[in-house]
Amino acid sequence: MSDLIVFRGLQGIGAGTLMAIAITIIGDIMPGETRGKPSSWERRECCRQHRRI
């Protein structure tokens, strides 16, 4: 059981890293005046995933 807890923690760290990278990529690719819409889509999907848990 302790192995499952540790591996779930590692999975959470990996998912958090991917979210930070996605936000950074959106910030680098999109110009400032159009950045809000894709950024809100990404954050909305993140919130939907958290509600499912």
Protein backbone atom coordinates (compact mmCIF):
# COMPACT_ATOMS: atom_id res chain seq x y z
CA MET A 1 0.00 0.00 0.00
CA SER A 2 2.84 2.39 0.74
CA ASP A 3 4.17 1.83 -2.80
CA LEU A 4 0.84 2.97 -4.23
CA ILE A 5 0.90 6.11 -2.12
CA VAL A 6 4.44 6.96 -3.21
CA PHE A 7 3.74 6.34 -6.90
CA ARG A 8 0.54 8.42 -6.74
CA GLY A 9 2.58 11.25 -5.26
CA LEU A 10 5.10 11.00 -8.09
CA GLN A 11 2.26 11.04 -10.58
CA GLY A 12 0.91 14.23 -9.03
CA ILE A 13 4.29 15.91 -9.22
CA GLY A 14 4.57 14.97 -12.89
CA ALA A 15 1.10 16.32 -13.67
CA GLY A 16 1.89 19.58 -11.89
CA THR A 17 5.05 19.95 -13.92
CA LEU A 18 3.17 19.38 -17.18
CA MET A 19 0.60 22.03 -16.26
CA ALA A 20 3.33 24.57 -15.55
CA ILE A 21 5.01 23.80 -18.86
CA ALA A 22 1.70 24.16 -20.73
CA ILE A 23 1.07 27.57 -19.18
CA THR A 24 4.61 28.67 -20.06
CA ILE A 25 4.27 27.52 -23.68
CA ILE A 26 0.97 29.39 -24.08
CA GLY A 27 2.62 32.49 -22.68
CA ASP A 28 5.55 32.22 -25.09
CA ILE A 29 3.59 31.43 -28.25
CA MET A 30 0.61 33.75 -27.98
CA PRO A 31 0.85 37.53 -28.21
CA GLY A 32 -0.31 39.42 -25.13
CA GLU A 33 -3.67 40.62 -26.50
CA THR A 34 -4.82 37.11 -27.51
CA ARG A 35 -3.27 35.11 -24.68
CA GLY A 36 -6.29 35.20 -22.35
CA LYS A 37 -8.64 32.91 -24.27
CA PRO A 38 -6.35 29.84 -24.66
CA SER A 39 -5.09 30.31 -21.13
CA SER A 40 -8.64 30.27 -19.78
CA TRP A 41 -9.42 27.10 -21.79
CA GLU A 42 -6.43 25.36 -20.23
CA ARG A 43 -7.34 26.44 -16.71
CA ARG A 44 -10.99 25.43 -17.22
CA GLU A 45 -9.93 21.91 -18.22
CA CYS A 46 -7.65 21.72 -15.21
CA CYS A 47 -10.58 22.61 -12.93
CA ARG A 48 -12.78 19.99 -14.60
CA GLN A 49 -10.17 17.34 -13.95
CA HIS A 50 -9.94 18.28 -10.27
CA ARG A 51 -13.71 18.07 -9.85
CA ARG A 52 -13.73 14.50 -11.16
CA ILE A 53 -11.40 13.28 -8.44
